[in-house]
Amino acid sequence: MLQEFEQVALVVNVPAYGFVVGDVGTVVDITRNCEGITVEFFNFAGETIAIVPLHQSDVRLLGVSEVMHARSILPTP
């Protein structure tokens, strides 16, 4: 079961926000029924990009053998 402030990776694309499978965010809220969660996504400067309502099934916990990856969510000129 997920807990607040755990880092998670998306297992689904969230095109409305420009996020794709593997993007990492932090759980900031869990609904009372434990099905819904709110995940905050940050840039590498620590600024919030988006706060997104999701289902627990949309994310997974990170593994210790995984590596972070950088990409832009803005279209390139």
Protein backbone atom coordinates (compact mmCIF):
# COMPACT_ATOMS: atom_id res chain seq x y z
CA MET A 1 0.00 0.00 0.00
CA LEU A 2 1.26 3.45 -0.92
CA GLN A 3 1.99 6.08 1.68
CA GLU A 4 2.22 9.84 1.48
CA PHE A 5 5.59 11.26 0.41
CA GLU A 6 6.69 8.06 -1.35
CA GLN A 7 8.14 8.49 -4.80
CA VAL A 8 6.30 6.61 -7.54
CA ALA A 9 6.62 6.06 -11.28
CA LEU A 10 3.74 6.24 -13.71
CA VAL A 11 2.64 3.00 -15.37
CA VAL A 12 0.27 4.86 -17.71
CA ASN A 13 0.65 7.94 -19.90
CA VAL A 14 -1.12 11.10 -18.70
CA PRO A 15 -1.29 13.13 -21.92
CA ALA A 16 -3.37 15.95 -20.43
CA TYR A 17 -0.28 16.89 -18.40
CA GLY A 18 2.42 15.72 -20.83
CA PHE A 19 3.57 12.85 -18.60
CA VAL A 20 4.56 9.40 -19.84
CA VAL A 21 5.17 5.96 -18.36
CA GLY A 22 8.20 6.09 -16.07
CA ASP A 23 7.88 9.74 -15.04
CA VAL A 24 8.48 10.08 -11.31
CA GLY A 25 6.38 12.00 -8.81
CA THR A 26 5.66 12.14 -5.10
CA VAL A 27 2.42 10.99 -3.48
CA VAL A 28 1.02 13.98 -1.60
CA ASP A 29 -2.47 12.74 -0.75
CA ILE A 30 -4.37 9.45 -0.50
CA THR A 31 -8.16 9.36 -0.53
CA ARG A 32 -10.05 7.92 2.39
CA ASN A 33 -10.98 4.78 0.38
CA CYS A 34 -7.28 4.40 -0.61
CA GLU A 35 -8.10 4.09 -4.32
CA GLY A 36 -7.34 7.64 -5.39
CA ILE A 37 -4.08 9.46 -4.89
CA THR A 38 -2.67 12.86 -5.72
CA VAL A 39 0.85 12.95 -7.12
CA GLU A 40 3.03 16.04 -7.37
CA PHE A 41 5.57 16.21 -10.18
CA PHE A 42 8.65 18.43 -9.84
CA ASN A 43 11.38 19.65 -12.16
CA PHE A 44 15.03 19.22 -11.16
CA ALA A 45 15.01 22.73 -9.63
CA GLY A 46 12.40 21.48 -7.14
CA GLU A 47 9.58 23.55 -8.64
CA THR A 48 6.15 21.99 -8.99
CA ILE A 49 5.21 21.14 -12.57
CA ALA A 50 1.78 19.68 -11.82
CA ILE A 51 -0.36 18.14 -9.11
CA VAL A 52 -2.30 15.27 -10.66
CA PRO A 53 -5.18 13.15 -9.33
CA LEU A 54 -4.59 9.48 -10.17
CA HIS A 55 -5.63 5.97 -9.18
CA GLN A 56 -3.20 3.83 -7.20
CA SER A 57 -3.16 1.44 -10.18
CA ASP A 58 -1.66 4.26 -12.34
CA VAL A 59 1.64 4.19 -10.44
CA ARG A 60 4.19 1.84 -8.93
CA LEU A 61 6.85 2.16 -6.28
CA LEU A 62 10.40 2.75 -7.44
CA GLY A 63 12.95 -0.04 -7.31
CA VAL A 64 16.45 0.36 -5.86
CA SER A 65 18.04 -0.70 -9.16
CA GLU A 66 16.33 2.06 -11.18
CA VAL A 67 17.96 5.25 -12.40
CA MET A 68 16.41 8.71 -12.83
CA HIS A 69 16.17 10.09 -16.36
CA ALA A 70 15.79 13.68 -17.54
CA ARG A 71 13.52 14.85 -20.36
CA SER A 72 11.60 17.99 -21.19
CA ILE A 73 7.82 17.98 -21.11
CA LEU A 74 7.78 21.13 -23.24
CA PRO A 75 7.75 20.81 -27.02
CA THR A 76 11.16 21.51 -28.56
CA PRO A 77 11.35 24.45 -31.01
